[in-house]
C-alpha atoms as a PDB file:
ATOM      1  CA  ASN A   1    -141.943  57.255  68.880  1.00  0.00           C
ATOM      2  CA  LEU A   2    -140.385  60.553  69.933  1.00  0.00           C
ATOM      3  CA  GLU A   3    -137.132  59.040  71.231  1.00  0.00           C
ATOM      4  CA  GLU A   4    -136.490  57.261  67.930  1.00  0.00           C
ATOM      5  CA  LYS A   5    -137.205  60.445  65.946  1.00  0.00           C
ATOM      6  CA  MET A   6    -134.801  62.461  68.107  1.00  0.00           C
ATOM      7  CA  LEU A   7    -132.087  59.815  67.792  1.00  0.00           C
ATOM      8  CA  ARG A   8    -132.578  59.657  64.018  1.00  0.00           C
ATOM      9  CA  LEU A   9    -132.303  63.475  63.792  1.00  0.00           C
ATOM     10  CA  ILE A  10    -129.112  63.538  65.868  1.00  0.00           C
ATOM     11  CA  LEU A  11    -127.556  60.740  63.797  1.00  0.00           C
ATOM     12  CA  GLN A  12    -128.469  62.470  60.522  1.00  0.00           C
ATOM     13  CA  GLN A  13    -126.871  65.697  61.730  1.00  0.00           C
ATOM     14  CA  THR A  14    -123.744  63.846  62.842  1.00  0.00           C
ATOM     15  CA  VAL A  15    -123.399  62.076  59.485  1.00  0.00           C
ATOM     16  CA  ARG A  16    -123.913  65.367  57.627  1.00  0.00           C
ATOM     17  CA  ARG A  17    -121.288  67.153  59.742  1.00  0.00           C
ATOM     18  CA  ARG A  18    -118.761  64.357  59.242  1.00  0.00           C
ATOM     19  CA  GLU A  19    -119.283  64.322  55.476  1.00  0.00           C
ATOM     20  CA  LEU A  20    -118.862  68.103  55.192  1.00  0.00           C
ATOM     21  CA  PHE A  21    -115.810  68.005  57.421  1.00  0.00           C
ATOM     22  CA  ARG A  22    -114.293  65.247  55.273  1.00  0.00           C
ATOM     23  CA  LEU A  23    -114.808  67.470  52.222  1.00  0.00           C
ATOM     24  CA  GLY A  24    -112.842  70.256  53.887  1.00  0.00           C
ATOM     25  CA  ALA A  25    -115.640  72.244  55.440  1.00  0.00           C
ATOM     26  CA  SER A  26    -114.877  74.429  58.398  1.00  0.00           C
ATOM     27  CA  PHE A  27    -117.006  74.830  61.481  1.00  0.00           C
ATOM     28  CA  CYS A  28    -118.567  78.283  61.412  1.00  0.00           C
ATOM     29  CA  ASP A  29    -121.826  80.110  61.788  1.00  0.00           C
ATOM     30  CA  SER A  30    -123.292  81.251  58.469  1.00  0.00           C
ATOM     31  CA  ARG A  31    -125.337  83.893  60.282  1.00  0.00           C
ATOM     32  CA  GLN A  32    -122.113  85.797  61.006  1.00  0.00           C
ATOM     33  CA  GLY A  33    -121.349  86.445  57.356  1.00  0.00           C
ATOM     34  CA  GLY A  34    -118.333  85.227  55.430  1.00  0.00           C
ATOM     35  CA  ASP A  35    -117.971  84.167  51.827  1.00  0.00           C
ATOM     36  CA  PRO A  36    -120.326  81.267  51.142  1.00  0.00           C
ATOM     37  CA  ASN A  37    -118.475  80.508  47.869  1.00  0.00           C
ATOM     38  CA  GLN A  38    -115.230  79.492  49.577  1.00  0.00           C
ATOM     39  CA  VAL A  39    -115.565  76.492  51.849  1.00  0.00           C
ATOM     40  CA  PRO A  40    -118.867  74.867  52.762  1.00  0.00           C
ATOM     41  CA  CYS A  41    -119.856  75.870  56.244  1.00  0.00           C
ATOM     42  CA  ILE A  42    -121.186  73.370  58.756  1.00  0.00           C
ATOM     43  CA  ASP A  43    -124.094  75.150  60.342  1.00  0.00           C
ATOM     44  CA  VAL A  44    -126.565  72.667  61.727  1.00  0.00           C
ATOM     45  CA  ASP A  45    -128.827  73.712  64.534  1.00  0.00           C
ATOM     46  CA  ASP A  46    -128.876  71.396  67.510  1.00  0.00           C
ATOM     47  CA  PRO A  47    -132.249  69.876  68.299  1.00  0.00           C
ATOM     48  CA  LYS A  48    -134.316  72.047  70.614  1.00  0.00           C
ATOM     49  CA  LEU A  49    -135.341  69.104  72.738  1.00  0.00           C
ATOM     50  CA  VAL A  50    -132.906  66.395  73.707  1.00  0.00           C
ATOM     51  CA  ILE A  51    -134.582  63.599  75.585  1.00  0.00           C
ATOM     52  CA  ILE A  52    -132.428  61.572  77.929  1.00  0.00           C
ATOM     53  CA  PRO A  53    -134.060  58.177  78.303  1.00  0.00           C
ATOM     54  CA  GLU A  54    -134.820  57.020  81.806  1.00  0.00           C
ATOM     55  CA  TYR A  55    -132.473  54.388  83.190  1.00  0.00           C
ATOM     56  CA  PRO A  56    -134.025  50.906  82.784  1.00  0.00           C
ATOM     57  CA  PHE A  57    -133.982  49.437  86.283  1.00  0.00           C
ATOM     58  CA  LYS A  58    -133.571  45.680  86.345  1.00  0.00           C
ATOM     59  CA  GLU A  59    -136.491  43.982  88.075  1.00  0.00           C
ATOM     60  CA  ASN A  60    -135.282  40.375  88.434  1.00  0.00           C
ATOM     61  CA  GLU A  61    -131.611  40.990  89.141  1.00  0.00           C
ATOM     62  CA  SER A  62    -130.090  39.038  92.021  1.00  0.00           C
ATOM     63  CA  LEU A  63    -128.814  41.060  94.966  1.00  0.00           C
ATOM     64  CA  GLN A  64    -125.250  39.852  94.363  1.00  0.00           C
ATOM     65  CA  THR A  65    -125.358  40.883  90.687  1.00  0.00           C
ATOM     66  CA  GLN A  66    -126.966  44.216  91.544  1.00  0.00           C
ATOM     67  CA  LYS A  67    -124.279  45.005  94.116  1.00  0.00           C
ATOM     68  CA  ALA A  68    -121.522  44.054  91.661  1.00  0.00           C
ATOM     69  CA  ARG A  69    -123.069  46.351  89.030  1.00  0.00           C
ATOM     70  CA  LEU A  70    -123.463  49.205  91.518  1.00  0.00           C
ATOM     71  CA  LEU A  71    -119.877  48.777  92.692  1.00  0.00           C
ATOM     72  CA  TYR A  72    -118.729  49.200  89.086  1.00  0.00           C
ATOM     73  CA  GLN A  73    -121.099  52.112  88.417  1.00  0.00           C
ATOM     74  CA  SER A  74    -119.937  53.840  91.600  1.00  0.00           C
ATOM     75  CA  ARG A  75    -116.376  53.767  90.277  1.00  0.00           C
ATOM     76  CA  LYS A  76    -117.097  54.830  86.673  1.00  0.00           C
ATOM     77  CA  ARG A  77    -119.197  57.983  86.841  1.00  0.00           C
ATOM     78  CA  GLY A  78    -117.473  60.102  84.218  1.00  0.00           C
ATOM     79  CA  MET A  79    -116.394  62.776  86.682  1.00  0.00           C
ATOM     80  CA  LEU A  80    -113.583  62.298  89.158  1.00  0.00           C
ATOM     81  CA  GLU A  81    -115.414  63.976  92.038  1.00  0.00           C
ATOM     82  CA  ASN A  82    -118.220  61.419  92.018  1.00  0.00           C
ATOM     83  CA  ASP A  83    -115.842  58.560  91.211  1.00  0.00           C
ATOM     84  CA  LEU A  84    -114.056  59.256  94.491  1.00  0.00           C
ATOM     85  CA  LEU A  85    -117.135  59.984  96.595  1.00  0.00           C
ATOM     86  CA  LEU A  86    -119.258  57.085  95.373  1.00  0.00           C
ATOM     87  CA  SER A  87    -116.501  54.476  95.082  1.00  0.00           C
ATOM     88  CA  THR A  88    -115.374  55.048  98.669  1.00  0.00           C
ATOM     89  CA  PHE A  89    -119.006  55.080  99.821  1.00  0.00           C
ATOM     90  CA  ALA A  90    -119.807  51.836  97.970  1.00  0.00           C
ATOM     91  CA  ALA A  91    -116.673  50.120  99.261  1.00  0.00           C
ATOM     92  CA  LYS A  92    -117.628  51.048 102.810  1.00  0.00           C
ATOM     93  CA  HIS A  93    -121.419  50.565 102.809  1.00  0.00           C
ATOM     94  CA  LEU A  94    -122.673  48.573  99.808  1.00  0.00           C
ATOM     95  CA  GLY A  95    -121.765  45.148 101.225  1.00  0.00           C
ATOM     96  CA  GLY A  96    -123.940  45.642 104.303  1.00  0.00           C
ATOM     97  CA  MET A  97    -126.985  47.049 102.507  1.00  0.00           C
ATOM     98  CA  THR A  98    -130.282  45.200 102.451  1.00  0.00           C
ATOM     99  CA  LYS A  99    -132.145  44.619  99.166  1.00  0.00           C
ATOM    100  CA  GLU A 100    -134.337  47.659  99.864  1.00  0.00           C
ATOM    101  CA  GLN A 101    -131.336  49.890 100.645  1.00  0.00           C
ATOM    102  CA  THR A 102    -129.523  48.594  97.554  1.00  0.00           C
ATOM    103  CA  ASP A 103    -132.549  49.483  95.405  1.00  0.00           C
ATOM    104  CA  ILE A 104    -132.582  52.989  96.906  1.00  0.00           C
ATOM    105  CA  TYR A 105    -128.861  53.412  96.160  1.00  0.00           C
ATOM    106  CA  ASP A 106    -129.457  52.112  92.613  1.00  0.00           C
ATOM    107  CA  ARG A 107    -132.164  54.727  92.038  1.00  0.00           C
ATOM    108  CA  LEU A 108    -129.979  57.431  93.567  1.00  0.00           C
ATOM    109  CA  ILE A 109    -126.965  56.920  91.327  1.00  0.00           C
ATOM    110  CA  ASN A 110    -128.908  55.964  88.186  1.00  0.00           C
ATOM    111  CA  GLY A 111    -132.025  58.138  88.463  1.00  0.00           C
ATOM    112  CA  PRO A 112    -130.814  61.714  88.012  1.00  0.00           C
ATOM    113  CA  SER A 113    -129.746  62.573  84.475  1.00  0.00           C
ATOM    114  CA  ASN A 114    -126.920  64.787  85.704  1.00  0.00           C
ATOM    115  CA  ASP A 115    -124.097  63.565  87.942  1.00  0.00           C
ATOM    116  CA  TRP A 116    -123.493  67.124  89.117  1.00  0.00           C
ATOM    117  CA  ASP A 117    -126.876  66.967  90.866  1.00  0.00           C
ATOM    118  CA  ILE A 118    -125.705  63.986  92.914  1.00  0.00           C
ATOM    119  CA  TYR A 119    -122.461  65.791  93.714  1.00  0.00           C
ATOM    120  CA  TYR A 120    -124.207  68.980  94.884  1.00  0.00           C
ATOM    121  CA  TRP A 121    -126.711  67.044  96.980  1.00  0.00           C
ATOM    122  CA  ALA A 122    -123.990  64.919  98.583  1.00  0.00           C
ATOM    123  CA  THR A 123    -121.809  67.938  99.359  1.00  0.00           C
ATOM    124  CA  GLU A 124    -124.823  69.838 100.726  1.00  0.00           C
ATOM    125  CA  ARG A 125    -124.552  72.611  98.139  1.00  0.00           C
ATOM    126  CA  LYS A 126    -128.122  72.100  96.917  1.00  0.00           C
ATOM    127  CA  PRO A 127    -131.227  70.809  98.670  1.00  0.00           C
ATOM    128  CA  ILE A 128    -132.135  67.202  97.998  1.00  0.00           C
ATOM    129  CA  PRO A 129    -135.367  66.682  96.026  1.00  0.00           C
ATOM    130  CA  GLU A 130    -137.967  64.779  98.015  1.00  0.00           C
ATOM    131  CA  GLU A 131    -137.698  61.625  95.872  1.00  0.00           C
ATOM    132  CA  TYR A 132    -133.969  61.308  96.695  1.00  0.00           C
ATOM    133  CA  ASP A 133    -134.147  62.397 100.340  1.00  0.00           C
ATOM    134  CA  THR A 134    -133.620  58.909 101.765  1.00  0.00           C
ATOM    135  CA  GLU A 135    -131.623  57.173 104.462  1.00  0.00           C
ATOM    136  CA  ILE A 136    -129.014  56.276 101.812  1.00  0.00           C
ATOM    137  CA  MET A 137    -128.649  59.926 100.757  1.00  0.00           C
ATOM    138  CA  ARG A 138    -128.243  60.959 104.388  1.00  0.00           C
ATOM    139  CA  LEU A 139    -125.629  58.207 104.824  1.00  0.00           C
ATOM    140  CA  LEU A 140    -123.842  59.447 101.687  1.00  0.00           C
ATOM    141  CA  ARG A 141    -123.842  63.024 103.020  1.00  0.00           C
ATOM    142  CA  GLU A 142    -122.386  61.788 106.303  1.00  0.00           C
ATOM    143  CA  HIS A 143    -119.719  59.896 104.342  1.00  0.00           C
ATOM    144  CA  VAL A 144    -118.893  62.998 102.288  1.00  0.00           C
ATOM    145  CA  ARG A 145    -118.470  65.121 105.436  1.00  0.00           C
ATOM    146  CA  ASN A 146    -115.622  62.723 106.283  1.00  0.00           C
ATOM    147  CA  GLU A 147    -115.523  63.543 109.973  1.00  0.00           C
ATOM    148  CA  PRO A 148    -112.884  60.830 110.650  1.00  0.00           C
ATOM    149  CA  ARG A 149    -110.688  62.676 108.095  1.00  0.00           C
ATOM    150  CA  GLU A 150    -109.891  59.566 106.056  1.00  0.00           C
ATOM    151  CA  ILE A 151    -107.642  60.017 103.045  1.00  0.00           C
ATOM    152  CA  ARG A 152    -109.803  59.539  99.947  1.00  0.00           C
ATOM    153  CA  SER A 153    -107.595  60.813  97.165  1.00  0.00           C
ATOM    154  CA  ARG A 154    -107.926  57.600  95.156  1.00  0.00           C
ATOM    155  CA  GLN A 155    -110.497  54.886  94.669  1.00  0.00           C
ATOM    156  CA  PRO A 156    -110.369  51.876  96.988  1.00  0.00           C
ATOM    157  CA  ASP A 157    -108.773  48.672  95.753  1.00  0.00           C
ATOM    158  CA  LEU A 158    -111.342  46.890  93.588  1.00  0.00           C
ATOM    159  CA  ALA A 159    -110.341  43.375  94.650  1.00  0.00           C
ATOM    160  CA  GLN A 160    -110.844  44.295  98.314  1.00  0.00           C
ATOM    161  CA  ALA A 161    -114.157  46.004  97.569  1.00  0.00           C
ATOM    162  CA  LYS A 162    -115.381  42.881  95.734  1.00  0.00           C
ATOM    163  CA  ARG A 163    -114.410  40.649  98.665  1.00  0.00           C
ATOM    164  CA  ASP A 164    -116.348  42.922 101.025  1.00  0.00           C
ATOM    165  CA  GLN A 165    -119.530  42.476  98.985  1.00  0.00           C
END
């Protein structure tokens, strides 16, 4: 299938780059000239189409397990801005969510392929696409506005957040 072919291509390119680098190759662009007789030049085009696989949502996961997973995923986003926004949101609201609301939150934080999209929607910098314009997104936006002016410069204590679930 296409995903396997793309993954194979990326892995082949990575192995080739590592081998050339190990042999003393430098990273350069052969289209810009230079002496091709000196050091081998790593010049591998990136694939034109990189497919990001869709997140596999778990169908038979218990609500308790799902909330524990979402609590973790809310804290470990890969960008500090969303770590702070989503971890404080999850600590405050995840414990009281119904199964339906929890599923909506799951799709919100795991559906988009780019965390910056979530950040811009939550901070009202970009309009929310229809599929993510939900009660949970509106609750997240309200949380981000932080009208009570709570200090949110660090993630909430994990042990306390787990107890609240």
